[in-house]
């Protein structure tokens, strides 16, 4: 599960990057807005069923990676964020972009940095790893 601080961070951020994989193995990454309900991430937009990310999942590869990150400070340098590996599925719902098809991402594993506490020398970049139950 995500910690309380991670949930608060995710709900405060307007932008993420998602990566999917095409049937021929080509990775594709795009920035986009997202919704987070505390358990799943939802990606929508204008006519999302024609986007590469939806086509890749529809073609049979549900593996996705999602990154939500920002810079808390540039002086001193303080990056923070969460990297999520998960599964994507296409669902119909009423969401931020109105009714329609959305990609729902169910987290499988996540890593965060700079959210629970600032990164410190010797601890490595990731300070929190979680394995999420399906």
N, C-alpha and C. Protein backbone atom coordinates (compact mmCIF):
# COMPACT_ATOMS: atom_id res chain seq x y z
N UNK A 1 0.85 -1.19 0.00
CA UNK A 1 0.00 0.00 0.00
C UNK A 1 0.88 1.25 0.00
N UNK A 2 0.30 2.34 -0.46
CA UNK A 2 0.98 3.62 -0.40
C UNK A 2 0.87 4.16 1.02
N UNK A 3 1.91 4.86 1.47
CA UNK A 3 1.86 5.49 2.78
C UNK A 3 0.96 6.72 2.71
N UNK A 4 0.59 7.25 3.86
CA UNK A 4 -0.24 8.46 3.89
C UNK A 4 0.44 9.62 3.17
N UNK A 5 1.75 9.77 3.36
CA UNK A 5 2.48 10.85 2.69
C UNK A 5 2.52 10.64 1.19
N UNK A 6 2.66 9.40 0.75
CA UNK A 6 2.66 9.11 -0.69
C UNK A 6 1.30 9.41 -1.30
N UNK A 7 0.23 9.02 -0.63
CA UNK A 7 -1.13 9.31 -1.13
C UNK A 7 -1.34 10.81 -1.24
N UNK A 8 -0.95 11.56 -0.20
CA UNK A 8 -1.10 13.02 -0.24
C UNK A 8 -0.30 13.61 -1.39
N UNK A 9 0.91 13.11 -1.59
CA UNK A 9 1.75 13.59 -2.70
C UNK A 9 1.07 13.30 -4.04
N UNK A 10 0.64 12.06 -4.25
CA UNK A 10 0.01 11.69 -5.52
C UNK A 10 -1.23 12.54 -5.80
N UNK A 11 -2.02 12.82 -4.78
CA UNK A 11 -3.23 13.61 -4.97
C UNK A 11 -2.92 15.09 -5.20
N UNK A 12 -1.69 15.52 -4.88
CA UNK A 12 -1.32 16.93 -5.07
C UNK A 12 -0.71 17.20 -6.44
N UNK A 13 -0.41 16.17 -7.18
CA UNK A 13 0.31 16.34 -8.44
C UNK A 13 -0.64 16.28 -9.65
N UNK A 14 -0.47 17.18 -10.62
CA UNK A 14 -1.35 17.20 -11.78
C UNK A 14 -0.85 16.40 -12.98
N UNK A 15 0.43 16.01 -12.98
CA UNK A 15 1.03 15.43 -14.18
C UNK A 15 1.82 14.17 -13.86
N UNK A 16 1.72 13.20 -14.76
CA UNK A 16 2.48 11.95 -14.65
C UNK A 16 3.04 11.61 -16.01
N UNK A 17 3.87 10.59 -16.05
CA UNK A 17 4.35 10.04 -17.30
C UNK A 17 4.00 8.56 -17.28
N UNK A 18 3.46 8.07 -18.38
CA UNK A 18 3.12 6.66 -18.46
C UNK A 18 3.86 6.04 -19.63
N UNK A 19 4.30 4.80 -19.43
CA UNK A 19 4.95 4.04 -20.48
C UNK A 19 4.19 2.75 -20.71
N UNK A 20 3.96 2.45 -21.98
CA UNK A 20 3.34 1.20 -22.39
C UNK A 20 4.25 0.58 -23.45
N UNK A 21 3.93 -0.65 -23.87
CA UNK A 21 4.75 -1.34 -24.86
C UNK A 21 3.86 -1.83 -25.99
N UNK A 22 4.28 -1.54 -27.23
CA UNK A 22 3.51 -1.95 -28.41
C UNK A 22 3.68 -3.44 -28.68
N UNK A 23 2.84 -4.00 -29.54
CA UNK A 23 2.97 -5.42 -29.86
C UNK A 23 4.33 -5.79 -30.44
N UNK A 24 5.02 -4.86 -31.10
CA UNK A 24 6.34 -5.18 -31.66
C UNK A 24 7.47 -4.85 -30.69
N UNK A 25 7.12 -4.52 -29.42
CA UNK A 25 8.12 -4.31 -28.38
C UNK A 25 8.63 -2.88 -28.24
N UNK A 26 8.06 -1.94 -28.98
CA UNK A 26 8.50 -0.55 -28.89
C UNK A 26 7.91 0.12 -27.66
N UNK A 27 8.75 0.57 -26.72
CA UNK A 27 8.24 1.33 -25.57
C UNK A 27 7.72 2.69 -26.03
N UNK A 28 6.71 3.19 -25.35
CA UNK A 28 6.15 4.50 -25.66
C UNK A 28 5.85 5.19 -24.33
N UNK A 29 6.38 6.39 -24.14
CA UNK A 29 6.16 7.14 -22.90
C UNK A 29 5.57 8.50 -23.24
N UNK A 30 4.56 8.92 -22.46
CA UNK A 30 3.92 10.22 -22.68
C UNK A 30 3.58 10.87 -21.34
N UNK A 31 3.66 12.21 -21.30
CA UNK A 31 3.18 12.93 -20.11
C UNK A 31 1.67 13.10 -20.21
N UNK A 32 0.99 13.08 -19.08
CA UNK A 32 -0.46 13.25 -19.10
C UNK A 32 -1.01 13.56 -17.72
N UNK A 33 -2.23 14.06 -17.68
CA UNK A 33 -2.95 14.25 -16.43
C UNK A 33 -3.50 12.92 -15.98
N UNK A 34 -3.75 12.79 -14.69
CA UNK A 34 -4.25 11.52 -14.16
C UNK A 34 -5.15 11.78 -12.97
N UNK A 35 -5.89 10.76 -12.61
CA UNK A 35 -6.68 10.76 -11.38
C UNK A 35 -6.18 9.60 -10.52
N UNK A 36 -6.24 9.80 -9.21
CA UNK A 36 -5.84 8.75 -8.27
C UNK A 36 -6.88 8.67 -7.18
N UNK A 37 -7.47 7.48 -6.98
CA UNK A 37 -8.53 7.33 -5.98
C UNK A 37 -8.03 6.71 -4.68
N UNK A 38 -6.72 6.62 -4.52
CA UNK A 38 -6.15 6.00 -3.33
C UNK A 38 -5.75 4.55 -3.56
N UNK A 39 -6.26 3.96 -4.64
CA UNK A 39 -5.95 2.58 -4.96
C UNK A 39 -5.54 2.41 -6.42
N UNK A 40 -6.26 3.05 -7.34
CA UNK A 40 -6.00 2.95 -8.78
C UNK A 40 -5.71 4.32 -9.37
N UNK A 41 -5.02 4.29 -10.50
CA UNK A 41 -4.78 5.50 -11.29
C UNK A 41 -5.67 5.40 -12.52
N UNK A 42 -6.20 6.53 -12.96
CA UNK A 42 -7.05 6.57 -14.15
C UNK A 42 -6.49 7.58 -15.13
N UNK A 43 -6.33 7.15 -16.38
CA UNK A 43 -5.83 8.00 -17.45
C UNK A 43 -6.92 8.12 -18.50
N UNK A 44 -7.26 9.34 -18.84
CA UNK A 44 -8.28 9.57 -19.85
C UNK A 44 -7.80 10.59 -20.85
N UNK A 45 -8.70 11.41 -21.32
CA UNK A 45 -8.33 12.46 -22.26
C UNK A 45 -9.36 12.58 -23.37
N UNK A 46 -8.96 13.30 -24.40
CA UNK A 46 -9.83 13.46 -25.57
C UNK A 46 -9.65 12.28 -26.49
N UNK A 47 -10.70 11.55 -26.74
CA UNK A 47 -10.69 10.39 -27.63
C UNK A 47 -9.55 9.42 -27.29
N UNK A 48 -9.46 8.99 -26.03
CA UNK A 48 -8.32 8.17 -25.61
C UNK A 48 -8.22 6.81 -26.29
N UNK A 49 -9.34 6.29 -26.80
CA UNK A 49 -9.29 4.96 -27.41
C UNK A 49 -8.40 4.92 -28.66
N UNK A 50 -8.06 6.09 -29.20
CA UNK A 50 -7.19 6.14 -30.38
C UNK A 50 -5.75 6.47 -30.03
N UNK A 51 -5.44 6.62 -28.73
CA UNK A 51 -4.08 6.95 -28.33
C UNK A 51 -3.20 5.70 -28.30
N UNK A 52 -1.91 5.90 -28.47
CA UNK A 52 -0.95 4.80 -28.47
C UNK A 52 -1.05 3.99 -27.18
N UNK A 53 -1.18 4.67 -26.03
CA UNK A 53 -1.21 3.93 -24.76
C UNK A 53 -2.41 2.99 -24.68
N UNK A 54 -3.57 3.45 -25.14
CA UNK A 54 -4.75 2.58 -25.12
C UNK A 54 -4.61 1.46 -26.15
N UNK A 55 -4.10 1.79 -27.33
CA UNK A 55 -3.93 0.77 -28.37
C UNK A 55 -2.95 -0.31 -27.91
N UNK A 56 -1.89 0.08 -27.21
CA UNK A 56 -0.92 -0.91 -26.73
C UNK A 56 -1.55 -1.86 -25.71
N UNK A 57 -2.32 -1.33 -24.78
CA UNK A 57 -2.99 -2.19 -23.79
C UNK A 57 -4.05 -3.05 -24.47
N UNK A 58 -4.82 -2.46 -25.35
CA UNK A 58 -5.86 -3.21 -26.06
C UNK A 58 -5.26 -4.35 -26.88
N UNK A 59 -4.04 -4.16 -27.38
CA UNK A 59 -3.37 -5.18 -28.20
C UNK A 59 -2.87 -6.36 -27.37
N UNK A 60 -2.98 -6.28 -26.05
CA UNK A 60 -2.66 -7.44 -25.24
C UNK A 60 -1.47 -7.32 -24.30
N UNK A 61 -0.83 -6.15 -24.21
CA UNK A 61 0.25 -6.01 -23.24
C UNK A 61 -0.20 -5.05 -22.14
N UNK A 62 -0.66 -5.60 -21.01
CA UNK A 62 -1.18 -4.75 -19.95
C UNK A 62 -0.10 -4.14 -19.03
N UNK A 63 1.18 -4.47 -19.25
CA UNK A 63 2.22 -3.94 -18.38
C UNK A 63 2.43 -2.45 -18.65
N UNK A 64 2.44 -1.68 -17.56
CA UNK A 64 2.65 -0.24 -17.67
C UNK A 64 3.61 0.23 -16.57
N UNK A 65 4.23 1.36 -16.83
CA UNK A 65 5.04 2.03 -15.81
C UNK A 65 4.52 3.46 -15.73
N UNK A 66 4.42 3.99 -14.52
CA UNK A 66 3.92 5.34 -14.30
C UNK A 66 4.89 6.04 -13.36
N UNK A 67 5.23 7.28 -13.68
CA UNK A 67 6.09 8.07 -12.80
C UNK A 67 5.41 9.40 -12.53
N UNK A 68 5.35 9.74 -11.25
CA UNK A 68 4.87 11.04 -10.79
C UNK A 68 6.03 11.64 -10.03
N UNK A 69 6.54 12.79 -10.50
CA UNK A 69 7.69 13.37 -9.84
C UNK A 69 7.72 14.88 -10.01
N UNK A 70 8.52 15.53 -9.18
CA UNK A 70 8.73 16.96 -9.28
C UNK A 70 10.00 17.32 -8.52
N UNK A 71 10.31 18.59 -8.51
CA UNK A 71 11.44 19.09 -7.72
C UNK A 71 10.88 19.89 -6.57
N UNK A 72 11.07 19.42 -5.36
CA UNK A 72 10.64 20.16 -4.19
C UNK A 72 11.47 21.43 -4.05
N UNK A 73 12.74 21.34 -4.44
CA UNK A 73 13.65 22.48 -4.36
C UNK A 73 14.78 22.27 -5.37
N UNK A 74 15.30 23.36 -5.91
CA UNK A 74 16.47 23.25 -6.78
C UNK A 74 17.75 23.65 -6.05
N UNK A 75 17.61 24.34 -4.92
CA UNK A 75 18.77 24.73 -4.13
C UNK A 75 18.42 24.67 -2.65
N UNK A 76 18.65 23.57 -1.97
CA UNK A 76 19.39 22.41 -2.45
C UNK A 76 18.52 21.54 -3.37
N UNK A 77 19.20 20.74 -4.18
CA UNK A 77 18.53 19.86 -5.14
C UNK A 77 17.75 18.79 -4.39
N UNK A 78 16.40 18.81 -4.53
CA UNK A 78 15.55 17.84 -3.83
C UNK A 78 14.49 17.28 -4.77
N UNK A 79 14.85 16.27 -5.56
CA UNK A 79 13.83 15.61 -6.36
C UNK A 79 12.99 14.70 -5.47
N UNK A 80 11.76 14.49 -5.87
CA UNK A 80 10.89 13.57 -5.15
C UNK A 80 9.91 12.96 -6.15
N UNK A 81 9.44 11.79 -5.84
CA UNK A 81 8.50 11.16 -6.76
C UNK A 81 8.21 9.73 -6.40
N UNK A 82 7.38 9.13 -7.26
CA UNK A 82 6.98 7.73 -7.10
C UNK A 82 7.00 7.08 -8.48
N UNK A 83 7.64 5.93 -8.56
CA UNK A 83 7.65 5.11 -9.77
C UNK A 83 6.77 3.90 -9.49
N UNK A 84 5.86 3.60 -10.41
CA UNK A 84 4.91 2.51 -10.22
C UNK A 84 4.98 1.57 -11.41
N UNK A 85 5.11 0.28 -11.14
CA UNK A 85 4.90 -0.75 -12.15
C UNK A 85 3.52 -1.31 -11.87
N UNK A 86 2.75 -1.52 -12.92
CA UNK A 86 1.42 -2.04 -12.72
C UNK A 86 0.82 -2.65 -13.97
N UNK A 87 -0.47 -2.94 -13.86
CA UNK A 87 -1.21 -3.48 -15.00
C UNK A 87 -2.29 -2.49 -15.40
N UNK A 88 -2.45 -2.35 -16.70
CA UNK A 88 -3.46 -1.45 -17.23
C UNK A 88 -4.61 -2.22 -17.84
N UNK A 89 -5.80 -1.70 -17.64
CA UNK A 89 -6.98 -2.27 -18.30
C UNK A 89 -7.87 -1.11 -18.71
N UNK A 90 -8.63 -1.30 -19.76
CA UNK A 90 -9.49 -0.24 -20.26
C UNK A 90 -10.88 -0.43 -19.68
N UNK A 91 -11.40 0.66 -19.09
CA UNK A 91 -12.71 0.61 -18.44
C UNK A 91 -13.53 1.83 -18.85
N UNK A 92 -14.82 1.70 -18.78
CA UNK A 92 -15.73 2.82 -19.01
C UNK A 92 -16.04 3.43 -17.65
N UNK A 93 -15.97 4.75 -17.58
CA UNK A 93 -16.28 5.42 -16.32
C UNK A 93 -16.54 6.89 -16.57
N UNK A 94 -17.07 7.53 -15.55
CA UNK A 94 -17.25 8.99 -15.54
C UNK A 94 -16.08 9.53 -14.73
N UNK A 95 -15.23 10.32 -15.36
CA UNK A 95 -14.05 10.81 -14.68
C UNK A 95 -13.77 12.26 -14.99
N UNK A 96 -12.57 12.65 -14.72
CA UNK A 96 -12.11 14.03 -14.91
C UNK A 96 -12.37 14.57 -16.32
N UNK A 97 -12.28 13.69 -17.29
CA UNK A 97 -12.48 14.10 -18.68
C UNK A 97 -13.87 13.76 -19.19
N UNK A 98 -14.81 13.55 -18.28
CA UNK A 98 -16.18 13.20 -18.66
C UNK A 98 -16.35 11.70 -18.79
N UNK A 99 -17.49 11.27 -19.32
CA UNK A 99 -17.73 9.83 -19.48
C UNK A 99 -16.93 9.29 -20.66
N UNK A 100 -16.51 8.03 -20.54
CA UNK A 100 -15.80 7.42 -21.66
C UNK A 100 -14.83 6.36 -21.20
N UNK A 101 -13.94 6.01 -22.10
CA UNK A 101 -12.95 4.98 -21.84
C UNK A 101 -11.74 5.58 -21.12
N UNK A 102 -11.33 4.92 -20.05
CA UNK A 102 -10.15 5.30 -19.29
C UNK A 102 -9.25 4.08 -19.14
N UNK A 103 -7.96 4.32 -18.95
CA UNK A 103 -7.08 3.24 -18.57
C UNK A 103 -6.99 3.26 -17.04
N UNK A 104 -7.32 2.14 -16.45
CA UNK A 104 -7.18 1.99 -15.00
C UNK A 104 -5.89 1.22 -14.75
N UNK A 105 -5.01 1.82 -13.96
CA UNK A 105 -3.75 1.17 -13.63
C UNK A 105 -3.82 0.67 -12.19
N UNK A 106 -3.58 -0.63 -12.03
CA UNK A 106 -3.52 -1.24 -10.72
C UNK A 106 -2.05 -1.42 -10.37
N UNK A 107 -1.56 -0.74 -9.32
CA UNK A 107 -0.15 -0.86 -8.95
C UNK A 107 0.21 -2.28 -8.52
N UNK A 108 1.40 -2.71 -8.93
CA UNK A 108 1.95 -4.00 -8.50
C UNK A 108 3.13 -3.74 -7.56
N UNK A 109 4.03 -2.84 -7.97
CA UNK A 109 5.19 -2.47 -7.15
C UNK A 109 5.41 -0.98 -7.29
N UNK A 110 5.83 -0.33 -6.22
CA UNK A 110 6.15 1.10 -6.30
C UNK A 110 7.40 1.41 -5.50
N UNK A 111 8.08 2.45 -5.93
CA UNK A 111 9.27 2.96 -5.25
C UNK A 111 9.10 4.46 -5.12
N UNK A 112 9.47 5.02 -3.98
CA UNK A 112 9.37 6.47 -3.84
C UNK A 112 10.68 7.02 -3.29
N UNK A 113 10.87 8.32 -3.53
CA UNK A 113 12.05 9.02 -3.03
C UNK A 113 11.66 10.44 -2.67
N UNK A 114 12.25 10.94 -1.60
CA UNK A 114 12.06 12.32 -1.20
C UNK A 114 10.68 12.66 -0.67
N UNK A 115 9.85 11.68 -0.39
CA UNK A 115 8.49 11.95 0.10
C UNK A 115 8.39 11.66 1.59
N UNK A 116 8.83 10.48 2.01
CA UNK A 116 8.81 10.14 3.43
C UNK A 116 9.84 10.98 4.18
N UNK A 117 10.97 11.21 3.54
CA UNK A 117 12.03 12.05 4.09
C UNK A 117 12.96 12.42 2.95
N UNK A 118 13.68 13.50 3.08
CA UNK A 118 14.62 13.86 2.02
C UNK A 118 15.67 12.77 1.82
N UNK A 119 16.08 12.52 0.56
CA UNK A 119 17.15 11.54 0.34
C UNK A 119 18.41 11.95 1.11
N UNK A 120 19.12 10.97 1.63
CA UNK A 120 20.35 11.28 2.34
C UNK A 120 21.47 10.41 1.80
N UNK A 121 22.70 10.91 1.84
CA UNK A 121 23.84 10.13 1.35
C UNK A 121 23.92 8.77 2.03
N UNK A 122 24.21 7.75 1.24
CA UNK A 122 24.38 6.42 1.79
C UNK A 122 23.13 5.58 1.86
N UNK A 123 21.95 6.21 1.72
CA UNK A 123 20.70 5.43 1.78
C UNK A 123 20.23 5.01 0.40
N UNK A 124 20.82 5.56 -0.63
CA UNK A 124 20.37 5.26 -1.98
C UNK A 124 19.25 6.20 -2.38
N UNK A 125 18.91 6.13 -3.64
CA UNK A 125 17.93 7.05 -4.19
C UNK A 125 16.51 6.73 -3.70
N UNK A 126 16.12 5.46 -3.78
CA UNK A 126 14.78 5.07 -3.35
C UNK A 126 14.77 4.82 -1.85
N UNK A 127 13.85 5.43 -1.16
CA UNK A 127 13.80 5.25 0.29
C UNK A 127 12.58 4.44 0.73
N UNK A 128 11.65 4.18 -0.17
CA UNK A 128 10.49 3.37 0.21
C UNK A 128 10.07 2.51 -0.97
N UNK A 129 9.99 1.21 -0.77
CA UNK A 129 9.51 0.28 -1.79
C UNK A 129 8.30 -0.44 -1.22
N UNK A 130 7.27 -0.60 -2.05
CA UNK A 130 6.07 -1.32 -1.61
C UNK A 130 5.65 -2.31 -2.69
N UNK A 131 5.20 -3.47 -2.24
CA UNK A 131 4.59 -4.44 -3.13
C UNK A 131 3.09 -4.38 -2.85
N UNK A 132 2.32 -4.08 -3.86
CA UNK A 132 0.88 -3.89 -3.71
C UNK A 132 0.15 -5.18 -4.03
N UNK A 133 -0.85 -5.46 -3.28
CA UNK A 133 -1.69 -6.64 -3.53
C UNK A 133 -2.65 -6.33 -4.65
N UNK A 134 -2.94 -7.32 -5.47
CA UNK A 134 -3.91 -7.14 -6.55
C UNK A 134 -5.29 -7.34 -6.02
